[in-house]
Amino acid sequence: MRGLTRGGSRPVATRRRRAEALLLVLVVAVAAFGHAAAAMAMTGELPRATYEFAASVALIALAGHLTVRRYAAYADPLILPLALLLSGLGLVLLYRLDPTYAHKFKSEATASGQLIWTVIGFAVALVTLAALRDHRRLQRYIYLCMATALVLLMAPAFFPGDTYGAKRWIFIGSFSLQPGEFVKIMIAVFFAGYLVVHKDSLALTGRKVFGVRLPPGRQLAPILAIWVLSLLVLIFERDLGTSLIFFGLFVVMLYVATERAGWILTGLVMAAIGAFVVGSTEPHVKGRIVAWQHPFDIYLPPAQRPPGLISDQAAQALFSFGSGGMTGTGLGRGHPELVGFAGRSDFILSTVGEELGLAGVMAVLVLYALLVQRGLRAALGAHDGFGKLLATGLAAALALQVFVVAGGVTGLIPLTGKALPFLAKGGSSLVANWVMIALLIRISDSGERRREAEQAAPEAELTQPAPSPRAEAHPQEGRGAVFPGRLHRSGATSRLWPEAEDPHP
């Protein structure tokens, strides 16, 4: 009876994997159709690359489905298809952009390299899923994760910056790495383990200020340390996006762990103060703010431009959204090259807006929202506090990165230069995001297995033979004797954080 649904006789694992398989078939069809549409619009014929692309995506989907079926059979059936669909759309957009950039800028093709990085990231995710059979094992290494994260976070300060001054990369010969993409995962692991242990002390009653109860002064030490570190990243590396995601992730997880609105208020105030100070003093960050406030002033005569403007990409992105309208110009029929090389990074969303229109942009944002929602659903279903906070942190990190990228491209907030997850060009981003997907799949599988086991336990007890009179008189001597110390592990009387605080599960 274990693993059966409440309304039928089909195992939950089988139903979930069947739904996942059908969704993956749809994902392959959508990606192949997009590639074919872009090729027909640009060349007027269907090239061989379209068939190779469709076969590659199909093999990736098959490998992912078989691995999840083997190592995480109870996992959420939507997480893998959503992530693969976003990756497929990113590959289609890069394939569409390659001829345009090759003609105007004489640059090399990136779609084939992105496909290779997709395979690498996907393989790392599958290995993670197969090797990490219990997500609680990560709780043993929270301080190692934090130490590694701090080293990786500060390392780009010792390397040259990019074209516009931000330092986000580590260069080792011809190989480059963007450590900030991996840091967000390590920080989520550390915060989840730390907050599970210290959640009670962080939730102590503090003073009321304007009707809002703020945390005690001595409990502000963690958030002050994170705030200072975020400012250091802004000052020495001029990386606005990483610092926003880093600080926002900590505040979100802190609020989820303590349910204290005072932490949110404190975090917002400290973020506003830090942004004002750094934005007023750091030239690179100040230039991004000026470009955000006056995007079209770049077309004024040089003498009339406000100081600090660095490029016309923000204005060109707005033009792209305007020319796309509701339904867009169609894949391969726009002019995304006017945005410049940024069209292959954060500004790839402007290509979606121009060629797929507002409908395409909303569809992409809905896919991200669904992926975040499934991450939060995995957090709700987790049976341990560490898993709940880790899934929440990973989902929050994804949501924050999409917000800072989409908000910067659309003019809602200043540009940050971060890569749009799964869509934009970047090997580091792809590998890190696929590892996040693997962790969410593992947590969702663990929660569903535990829930099905608890539901099947009462049914199994009904099928057991009645105990003998001797066993009833002397339960300690009977074969079915119950040990009170094991009651909470069977799910009969679960605590709020069952087995969550044990760092060595």
Protein backbone atom coordinates (compact mmCIF):
# COMPACT_ATOMS: atom_id res chain seq x y z
CA MET A 1 0.00 0.00 0.00
CA ARG A 2 3.00 2.31 0.33
CA GLY A 3 3.20 5.15 -2.19
CA LEU A 4 -0.43 4.90 -3.34
CA THR A 5 -2.58 7.94 -3.95
CA ARG A 6 -5.59 8.60 -1.79
CA GLY A 7 -7.96 8.50 -4.76
CA GLY A 8 -6.63 5.56 -6.78
CA SER A 9 -4.34 2.59 -7.00
CA ARG A 10 -1.57 4.01 -9.17
CA PRO A 11 1.70 4.69 -7.33
CA VAL A 12 2.51 8.36 -6.81
CA ALA A 13 6.02 7.94 -8.21
CA THR A 14 4.70 6.41 -11.45
CA ARG A 15 2.12 9.13 -11.95
CA ARG A 16 4.63 11.90 -11.33
CA ARG A 17 7.24 10.50 -13.66
CA ARG A 18 4.65 9.90 -16.38
CA ALA A 19 3.54 13.53 -16.13
CA GLU A 20 7.17 14.63 -16.26
CA ALA A 21 7.81 12.52 -19.38
CA LEU A 22 4.84 14.07 -21.19
CA LEU A 23 5.97 17.57 -20.24
CA LEU A 24 9.51 16.86 -21.45
CA VAL A 25 8.14 15.73 -24.83
CA LEU A 26 6.32 19.07 -25.04
CA VAL A 27 9.52 20.91 -24.07
CA VAL A 28 11.49 19.22 -26.86
CA ALA A 29 8.74 20.07 -29.36
CA VAL A 30 8.63 23.74 -28.33
CA ALA A 31 12.42 24.12 -28.45
CA ALA A 32 12.67 22.40 -31.85
CA PHE A 33 9.84 24.52 -33.25
CA GLY A 34 11.51 27.72 -32.01
CA HIS A 35 14.82 26.74 -33.59
CA ALA A 36 13.08 25.90 -36.88
CA ALA A 37 11.13 29.17 -36.87
CA ALA A 38 14.28 31.24 -36.32
CA ALA A 39 16.15 29.34 -39.05
CA MET A 40 13.32 29.74 -41.58
CA ALA A 41 13.05 33.47 -40.86
CA MET A 42 16.79 34.07 -41.30
CA THR A 43 17.70 31.67 -44.13
CA GLY A 44 14.42 30.63 -45.72
CA GLU A 45 15.20 26.94 -45.27
CA LEU A 46 15.40 24.32 -42.55
CA PRO A 47 19.09 23.58 -41.89
CA ARG A 48 20.59 20.40 -40.57
CA ALA A 49 21.42 22.20 -37.34
CA THR A 50 17.72 22.19 -36.44
CA TYR A 51 17.58 18.40 -36.45
CA GLU A 52 20.82 18.18 -34.48
CA PHE A 53 19.49 20.68 -31.96
CA ALA A 54 16.23 18.76 -31.53
CA ALA A 55 18.13 15.50 -31.07
CA SER A 56 20.44 17.10 -28.48
CA VAL A 57 17.56 18.50 -26.42
CA ALA A 58 15.73 15.15 -26.66
CA LEU A 59 18.79 13.27 -25.37
CA ILE A 60 19.22 15.74 -22.52
CA ALA A 61 15.55 15.35 -21.59
CA LEU A 62 15.78 11.55 -21.73
CA ALA A 63 18.90 11.45 -19.55
CA GLY A 64 17.30 13.77 -17.01
CA HIS A 65 14.05 11.82 -16.90
CA LEU A 66 15.78 8.47 -16.41
CA THR A 67 18.05 9.84 -13.69
CA VAL A 68 15.17 11.44 -11.79
CA ARG A 69 13.13 8.27 -12.21
CA ARG A 70 15.98 6.24 -10.70
CA TYR A 71 17.20 8.50 -7.88
CA ALA A 72 14.25 10.85 -7.10
CA ALA A 73 11.11 9.06 -8.22
CA TYR A 74 8.81 11.08 -5.94
CA ALA A 75 10.16 14.48 -7.01
CA ASP A 76 8.00 17.31 -8.33
CA PRO A 77 7.26 16.58 -12.03
CA LEU A 78 7.37 20.26 -13.07
CA ILE A 79 10.82 21.37 -11.89
CA LEU A 80 12.90 19.59 -14.54
CA PRO A 81 10.64 20.45 -17.54
CA LEU A 82 10.46 24.13 -16.56
CA ALA A 83 14.24 24.46 -16.23
CA LEU A 84 14.86 22.59 -19.49
CA LEU A 85 12.30 24.72 -21.34
CA LEU A 86 14.05 27.91 -20.22
CA SER A 87 17.42 26.48 -21.29
CA GLY A 88 15.99 25.48 -24.66
CA LEU A 89 14.58 28.96 -25.24
CA GLY A 90 17.96 30.45 -24.34
CA LEU A 91 19.69 28.24 -26.91
CA VAL A 92 17.15 29.26 -29.56
CA LEU A 93 17.71 32.95 -28.85
CA LEU A 94 21.50 32.60 -28.99
CA TYR A 95 21.23 30.69 -32.26
CA ARG A 96 19.13 33.53 -33.61
CA LEU A 97 21.61 36.19 -32.38
CA ASP A 98 24.78 34.53 -33.72
CA PRO A 99 24.42 35.51 -37.42
CA THR A 100 23.50 39.08 -36.52
CA TYR A 101 26.50 39.61 -34.28
CA ALA A 102 28.81 37.82 -36.71
CA HIS A 103 27.75 40.21 -39.48
CA LYS A 104 27.94 43.43 -37.47
CA PHE A 105 30.70 42.78 -34.92
CA LYS A 106 32.60 39.86 -36.55
CA SER A 107 32.14 37.92 -33.33
CA GLU A 108 32.23 34.16 -32.95
CA ALA A 109 29.16 31.95 -32.58
CA THR A 110 28.08 31.23 -29.01
CA ALA A 111 25.08 28.91 -29.41
CA SER A 112 27.23 25.79 -29.83
CA GLY A 113 29.34 26.72 -26.79
CA GLN A 114 26.20 27.38 -24.77
CA LEU A 115 24.88 23.95 -25.74
CA ILE A 116 28.11 22.38 -24.48
CA TRP A 117 27.81 24.27 -21.19
CA THR A 118 24.18 23.18 -20.94
CA VAL A 119 25.28 19.55 -21.23
CA ILE A 120 28.03 20.11 -18.64
CA GLY A 121 25.69 21.84 -16.20
CA PHE A 122 23.03 19.19 -16.72
CA ALA A 123 25.58 16.42 -16.13
CA VAL A 124 26.75 18.09 -12.90
CA ALA A 125 23.12 18.30 -11.76
CA LEU A 126 22.53 14.61 -12.47
CA VAL A 127 25.70 13.63 -10.63
CA THR A 128 24.62 15.79 -7.69
CA LEU A 129 21.23 14.12 -7.69
CA ALA A 130 22.76 10.64 -7.76
CA ALA A 131 25.46 11.33 -5.16
CA LEU A 132 23.43 13.41 -2.69
CA ARG A 133 20.79 10.94 -1.52
CA ASP A 134 19.84 13.06 1.52
CA HIS A 135 19.95 16.86 1.40
CA ARG A 136 20.51 17.00 5.18
CA ARG A 137 24.08 15.86 4.66
CA LEU A 138 24.86 19.40 3.51
CA GLN A 139 24.14 20.58 7.05
CA ARG A 140 27.46 19.08 8.13
CA TYR A 141 29.40 21.50 5.93
CA ILE A 142 27.69 24.84 6.50
CA TYR A 143 30.79 26.60 7.86
CA LEU A 144 32.95 25.16 5.10
CA CYS A 145 30.41 26.47 2.57
CA MET A 146 30.48 29.93 4.13
CA ALA A 147 34.29 30.08 4.22
CA THR A 148 34.48 29.00 0.58
CA ALA A 149 31.78 31.50 -0.37
CA LEU A 150 33.67 34.37 1.25
CA VAL A 151 36.87 33.46 -0.58
CA LEU A 152 35.07 33.20 -3.92
CA LEU A 153 33.12 36.39 -3.30
CA MET A 154 36.22 38.49 -2.68
CA ALA A 155 38.46 36.82 -5.28
CA PRO A 156 37.29 38.90 -8.32
CA ALA A 157 38.60 42.06 -6.60
CA PHE A 158 42.14 40.88 -7.50
CA PHE A 159 41.39 40.43 -11.22
CA PRO A 160 40.71 42.96 -13.99
CA GLY A 161 37.17 44.26 -14.41
CA ASP A 162 34.93 43.99 -17.44
CA THR A 163 34.40 46.63 -20.12
CA TYR A 164 32.42 48.90 -17.81
CA GLY A 165 34.43 48.40 -14.63
CA ALA A 166 32.56 45.72 -12.67
CA LYS A 167 34.73 42.89 -11.29
CA ARG A 168 32.80 39.64 -11.43
CA TRP A 169 35.27 37.21 -12.99
CA ILE A 170 38.22 35.02 -12.02
CA PHE A 171 40.65 34.39 -14.88
CA ILE A 172 42.85 31.29 -14.96
CA GLY A 173 44.61 31.30 -18.33
CA SER A 174 41.94 31.14 -21.02
CA PHE A 175 39.37 29.87 -18.52
CA SER A 176 37.08 32.33 -16.74
CA LEU A 177 34.72 31.76 -13.83
CA GLN A 178 32.00 33.93 -12.34
CA PRO A 179 32.07 32.86 -8.66
CA GLY A 180 29.03 34.89 -7.64
CA GLU A 181 26.79 32.31 -9.32
CA PHE A 182 28.06 29.57 -7.01
CA VAL A 183 28.27 31.79 -3.95
CA LYS A 184 24.48 32.18 -3.78
CA ILE A 185 24.10 28.39 -3.40
CA MET A 186 26.76 28.17 -0.68
CA ILE A 187 25.25 31.10 1.18
CA ALA A 188 21.79 29.50 1.02
CA VAL A 189 23.23 26.29 2.50
CA PHE A 190 24.98 28.21 5.28
CA PHE A 191 21.98 30.36 6.16
CA ALA A 192 19.67 27.32 6.22
CA GLY A 193 21.94 25.44 8.62
CA TYR A 194 22.69 28.47 10.79
CA LEU A 195 19.10 29.71 11.10
CA VAL A 196 17.71 26.27 11.96
CA VAL A 197 19.98 26.18 15.02
CA HIS A 198 19.64 29.85 16.04
CA LYS A 199 16.08 30.64 14.97
CA ASP A 200 14.81 30.86 18.55
CA SER A 201 17.42 33.37 19.66
CA LEU A 202 16.85 35.49 16.56
CA ALA A 203 13.11 35.57 17.27
CA LEU A 204 13.50 37.12 20.74
CA THR A 205 11.23 40.01 21.53
CA GLY A 206 12.67 43.45 20.90
CA ARG A 207 11.50 47.01 21.22
CA LYS A 208 8.61 48.52 19.33
CA VAL A 209 9.41 51.44 17.03
CA PHE A 210 6.43 53.12 15.33
CA GLY A 211 4.33 50.06 16.04
CA VAL A 212 6.83 47.60 14.55
CA ARG A 213 8.71 45.24 16.86
CA LEU A 214 12.39 45.33 15.91
CA PRO A 215 14.96 42.67 16.82
CA PRO A 216 17.11 43.18 19.93
CA GLY A 217 20.31 45.12 19.42
CA ARG A 218 22.66 42.22 20.04
CA GLN A 219 20.78 40.09 17.52
CA LEU A 220 21.54 42.63 14.78
CA ALA A 221 25.14 41.36 14.58
CA PRO A 222 24.51 38.82 11.76
CA ILE A 223 22.61 41.24 9.57
CA LEU A 224 25.18 43.97 10.22
CA ALA A 225 27.99 41.64 9.13
CA ILE A 226 26.14 40.70 5.94
CA TRP A 227 25.36 44.37 5.27
CA VAL A 228 29.02 45.36 5.62
CA LEU A 229 30.10 42.51 3.37
CA SER A 230 27.58 43.56 0.73
CA LEU A 231 28.96 47.08 0.82
CA LEU A 232 32.50 45.75 0.43
CA VAL A 233 31.44 43.85 -2.68
CA LEU A 234 29.93 47.04 -4.08
CA ILE A 235 32.97 49.15 -3.26
CA PHE A 236 35.81 46.86 -4.33
CA GLU A 237 34.12 44.92 -7.13
CA ARG A 238 31.42 47.39 -8.23
CA ASP A 239 29.02 44.45 -8.59
CA LEU A 240 25.58 45.84 -7.78
CA GLY A 241 23.66 42.69 -8.77
CA THR A 242 25.59 40.23 -6.60
CA SER A 243 25.39 42.43 -3.53
CA LEU A 244 21.61 42.89 -3.95
CA ILE A 245 21.02 39.15 -4.32
CA PHE A 246 23.39 38.36 -1.44
CA PHE A 247 21.76 40.74 1.01
CA GLY A 248 18.19 40.08 -0.16
CA LEU A 249 18.65 36.32 0.21
CA PHE A 250 19.76 36.71 3.82
CA VAL A 251 16.82 38.95 4.74
CA VAL A 252 14.26 36.63 3.09
CA MET A 253 15.60 33.53 4.84
CA LEU A 254 15.83 35.37 8.14
CA TYR A 255 12.20 36.41 7.90
CA VAL A 256 11.05 32.89 6.97
CA ALA A 257 12.96 31.37 9.90
CA THR A 258 11.80 33.87 12.55
CA GLU A 259 8.52 35.24 11.15
CA ARG A 260 9.60 38.64 12.40
CA ALA A 261 8.55 41.58 10.22
CA GLY A 262 11.17 43.68 12.01
CA TRP A 263 13.92 41.91 10.10
CA ILE A 264 12.33 42.91 6.79
CA LEU A 265 12.08 46.55 7.87
CA THR A 266 15.63 46.55 9.19
CA GLY A 267 16.93 44.98 5.98
CA LEU A 268 15.14 47.45 3.73
CA VAL A 269 16.41 50.43 5.70
CA MET A 270 19.99 49.16 5.69
CA ALA A 271 19.80 48.34 1.97
CA ALA A 272 18.53 51.84 1.19
CA ILE A 273 21.29 53.47 3.27
CA GLY A 274 24.00 51.33 1.68
CA ALA A 275 22.71 51.92 -1.85
CA PHE A 276 22.58 55.69 -1.27
CA VAL A 277 26.08 55.88 0.16
CA VAL A 278 27.72 53.70 -2.49
CA GLY A 279 25.65 55.19 -5.32
CA SER A 280 26.80 58.67 -4.31
CA THR A 281 30.49 57.84 -4.03
CA GLU A 282 31.34 54.94 -6.39
CA PRO A 283 31.62 56.25 -10.00
CA HIS A 284 30.66 52.96 -11.68
CA VAL A 285 27.51 52.46 -9.59
CA LYS A 286 26.69 56.15 -9.91
CA GLY A 287 26.95 55.85 -13.70
CA ARG A 288 24.43 53.03 -13.75
CA ILE A 289 22.04 55.09 -11.65
CA VAL A 290 22.41 58.10 -13.96
CA ALA A 291 21.80 55.90 -17.01
CA TRP A 292 18.69 54.54 -15.31
CA GLN A 293 17.36 57.99 -14.48
CA HIS A 294 18.15 59.53 -17.90
CA PRO A 295 18.27 56.67 -20.44
CA PHE A 296 17.68 58.85 -23.52
CA ASP A 297 20.14 61.61 -22.61
CA ILE A 298 22.85 59.58 -24.33
CA TYR A 299 21.56 60.98 -27.63
CA LEU A 300 22.05 64.58 -26.55
CA PRO A 301 25.16 66.49 -27.65
CA PRO A 302 28.14 65.57 -25.45
CA ALA A 303 28.16 68.96 -23.78
CA GLN A 304 24.55 68.54 -22.64
CA ARG A 305 24.79 64.98 -21.30
CA PRO A 306 24.79 64.44 -17.54
CA PRO A 307 28.12 63.08 -16.28
CA GLY A 308 28.30 59.35 -15.75
CA LEU A 309 26.45 57.99 -18.80
CA ILE A 310 28.33 54.95 -20.11
CA SER A 311 26.31 53.52 -23.03
CA ASP A 312 23.07 53.62 -24.97
CA GLN A 313 22.06 50.03 -24.14
CA ALA A 314 19.33 51.03 -21.68
CA ALA A 315 17.71 53.28 -24.28
CA GLN A 316 18.02 50.67 -27.05
CA ALA A 317 16.39 48.08 -24.80
CA LEU A 318 13.40 50.34 -24.27
CA PHE A 319 13.20 50.88 -28.03
CA SER A 320 13.21 47.10 -28.48
CA PHE A 321 10.28 46.63 -26.14
CA GLY A 322 8.39 49.44 -27.85
CA SER A 323 8.91 48.11 -31.36
CA GLY A 324 7.89 44.61 -30.32
CA GLY A 325 4.41 45.60 -29.24
CA MET A 326 2.06 42.87 -28.07
CA THR A 327 3.07 39.97 -30.32
CA GLY A 328 6.54 40.96 -31.55
CA THR A 329 8.13 41.07 -34.98
CA GLY A 330 8.77 37.32 -35.07
CA LEU A 331 11.95 35.33 -34.41
CA GLY A 332 14.71 36.46 -36.74
CA ARG A 333 12.88 39.58 -37.94
CA GLY A 334 13.99 42.16 -35.38
CA HIS A 335 17.18 44.15 -34.83
CA PRO A 336 18.55 43.04 -31.44
CA GLU A 337 22.09 43.88 -32.59
CA LEU A 338 21.34 47.54 -31.87
CA VAL A 339 21.62 46.77 -28.15
CA GLY A 340 25.23 45.69 -28.66
CA PHE A 341 27.01 42.72 -27.18
CA ALA A 342 24.81 42.90 -24.08
CA GLY A 343 22.11 41.16 -26.12
CA ARG A 344 23.86 37.92 -25.22
CA SER A 345 23.71 38.55 -21.48
CA ASP A 346 21.17 40.41 -19.36
CA PHE A 347 19.73 42.25 -22.38
CA ILE A 348 18.68 38.99 -24.02
CA LEU A 349 15.28 39.76 -22.51
CA SER A 350 15.05 42.75 -24.86
CA THR A 351 15.38 40.30 -27.79
CA VAL A 352 12.39 38.43 -26.39
CA GLY A 353 10.47 41.71 -26.08
CA GLU A 354 11.23 42.79 -29.65
CA GLU A 355 10.71 39.52 -31.50
CA LEU A 356 8.12 37.80 -29.29
CA GLY A 357 6.47 40.91 -27.91
CA LEU A 358 4.83 41.51 -24.57
CA ALA A 359 3.23 38.07 -24.83
CA GLY A 360 6.66 36.43 -25.06
CA VAL A 361 8.09 38.43 -22.16
CA MET A 362 5.12 37.55 -19.97
CA ALA A 363 5.42 33.87 -20.95
CA VAL A 364 9.10 33.84 -19.93
CA LEU A 365 8.35 35.58 -16.63
CA VAL A 366 5.51 33.13 -15.95
CA LEU A 367 7.93 30.23 -16.49
CA TYR A 368 10.29 31.75 -13.92
CA ALA A 369 7.38 32.35 -11.54
CA LEU A 370 6.26 28.73 -11.89
CA LEU A 371 9.79 27.49 -11.20
CA VAL A 372 10.01 29.68 -8.08
CA GLN A 373 6.57 28.46 -6.99
CA ARG A 374 7.61 24.83 -7.32
CA GLY A 375 10.68 25.60 -5.24
CA LEU A 376 8.49 27.09 -2.51
CA ARG A 377 6.17 24.09 -2.83
CA ALA A 378 9.16 21.83 -2.19
CA ALA A 379 9.95 23.93 0.89
CA LEU A 380 6.41 23.49 2.22
CA GLY A 381 6.58 19.74 1.65
CA ALA A 382 9.98 19.24 3.29
CA HIS A 383 9.81 17.37 6.60
CA ASP A 384 12.87 19.02 8.17
CA GLY A 385 13.67 22.63 8.97
CA PHE A 386 16.95 22.62 7.08
CA GLY A 387 15.24 21.44 3.89
CA LYS A 388 12.49 24.02 4.27
CA LEU A 389 14.93 26.90 4.59
CA LEU A 390 17.28 25.61 1.89
CA ALA A 391 14.50 25.24 -0.69
CA THR A 392 13.16 28.67 0.28
CA GLY A 393 16.61 30.21 -0.10
CA LEU A 394 17.25 28.64 -3.51
CA ALA A 395 13.83 29.75 -4.79
CA ALA A 396 14.40 33.24 -3.38
CA ALA A 397 17.83 33.48 -5.02
CA LEU A 398 16.32 32.59 -8.39
CA ALA A 399 13.49 35.09 -7.93
CA LEU A 400 15.86 37.87 -6.85
CA GLN A 401 18.18 37.33 -9.82
CA VAL A 402 15.29 37.38 -12.29
CA PHE A 403 14.00 40.54 -10.63
CA VAL A 404 17.28 42.46 -10.73
CA VAL A 405 17.91 41.46 -14.38
CA ALA A 406 14.37 41.97 -15.71
CA GLY A 407 13.97 45.13 -13.63
CA GLY A 408 17.21 46.58 -14.99
CA VAL A 409 16.42 45.79 -18.64
CA THR A 410 12.89 47.18 -18.45
CA GLY A 411 14.01 50.33 -16.60
CA LEU A 412 12.40 49.49 -13.26
CA ILE A 413 15.73 49.56 -11.38
CA PRO A 414 19.32 50.39 -12.38
CA LEU A 415 21.18 47.87 -14.52
CA THR A 416 23.16 45.24 -12.64
CA GLY A 417 24.89 43.21 -15.37
CA LYS A 418 23.82 39.83 -13.97
CA ALA A 419 22.95 36.97 -16.33
CA LEU A 420 19.32 36.00 -16.77
CA PRO A 421 19.11 32.41 -15.40
CA PHE A 422 19.11 29.69 -18.08
CA LEU A 423 18.43 32.16 -20.94
CA ALA A 424 21.57 34.29 -21.05
CA LYS A 425 25.02 33.29 -22.25
CA GLY A 426 27.34 32.05 -19.50
CA GLY A 427 28.81 28.73 -18.44
CA SER A 428 29.14 29.55 -14.74
CA SER A 429 25.53 30.66 -14.55
CA LEU A 430 24.26 27.52 -16.27
CA VAL A 431 26.20 25.11 -14.07
CA ALA A 432 25.20 26.89 -10.86
CA ASN A 433 21.52 27.09 -11.84
CA TRP A 434 21.38 23.41 -12.75
CA VAL A 435 22.88 22.53 -9.36
CA MET A 436 20.08 24.57 -7.77
CA ILE A 437 17.55 22.57 -9.77
CA ALA A 438 19.12 19.30 -8.58
CA LEU A 439 18.87 20.40 -4.94
CA LEU A 440 15.21 21.41 -5.35
CA ILE A 441 14.43 18.05 -6.97
CA ARG A 442 16.13 16.23 -4.09
CA ILE A 443 14.24 18.19 -1.42
CA SER A 444 10.88 17.71 -3.15
CA ASP A 445 11.54 13.97 -3.49
CA SER A 446 12.43 13.65 0.19
CA GLY A 447 9.30 15.48 1.34
CA GLU A 448 6.95 13.47 -0.85
CA ARG A 449 8.51 10.16 0.20
CA ARG A 450 8.03 11.06 3.85
CA ARG A 451 4.42 12.13 3.31
CA GLU A 452 3.51 8.96 1.43
CA ALA A 453 5.17 6.81 4.09
CA GLU A 454 3.13 8.54 6.81
CA GLN A 455 -0.10 8.07 4.87
CA ALA A 456 0.65 4.40 4.23
CA ALA A 457 1.50 3.66 7.90
CA PRO A 458 -2.12 3.62 9.24
CA GLU A 459 -3.22 1.42 6.32
CA ALA A 460 -0.40 -1.03 7.05
CA GLU A 461 -1.43 -1.20 10.72
CA LEU A 462 -4.98 -2.20 9.70
CA THR A 463 -3.66 -5.21 7.80
CA GLN A 464 -1.55 -6.54 10.71
CA PRO A 465 -2.95 -9.54 12.67
CA ALA A 466 -4.46 -8.88 16.09
CA PRO A 467 -1.97 -9.33 18.95
CA SER A 468 -2.30 -12.39 21.19
CA PRO A 469 -3.72 -12.04 24.70
CA ARG A 470 -0.25 -12.69 26.08
CA ALA A 471 1.17 -9.85 24.03
CA GLU A 472 -1.56 -7.52 25.27
CA ALA A 473 -0.85 -8.45 28.86
CA HIS A 474 2.94 -8.07 28.41
CA PRO A 475 3.53 -5.67 25.48
CA GLN A 476 7.23 -5.49 26.24
CA GLU A 477 7.54 -9.19 25.48
CA GLY A 478 5.47 -9.20 22.31
CA ARG A 479 6.97 -9.03 18.85
CA GLY A 480 5.03 -5.86 18.07
CA ALA A 481 6.13 -3.91 21.10
CA VAL A 482 6.18 -0.13 20.61
CA PHE A 483 9.12 1.93 21.87
CA PRO A 484 8.02 5.46 22.80
CA GLY A 485 11.37 6.87 21.78
CA ARG A 486 10.67 6.04 18.13
CA LEU A 487 7.19 7.49 17.88
CA HIS A 488 8.26 10.82 16.37
CA ARG A 489 10.34 9.08 13.68
CA SER A 490 7.34 7.12 12.38
CA GLY A 491 5.42 10.32 11.80
CA ALA A 492 2.77 9.58 14.45
CA THR A 493 3.72 12.66 16.50
CA SER A 494 5.90 14.92 14.45
CA ARG A 495 7.37 18.12 15.85
CA LEU A 496 7.54 21.49 14.13
CA TRP A 497 11.15 20.88 13.11
CA PRO A 498 11.44 17.06 13.18
CA GLU A 499 15.05 15.93 13.13
CA ALA A 500 15.97 19.31 11.65
CA GLU A 501 18.57 20.35 14.19
CA ASP A 502 20.68 17.22 13.89
CA PRO A 503 23.70 18.21 11.79
CA HIS A 504 24.65 14.56 11.34
CA PRO A 505 21.52 12.80 9.96
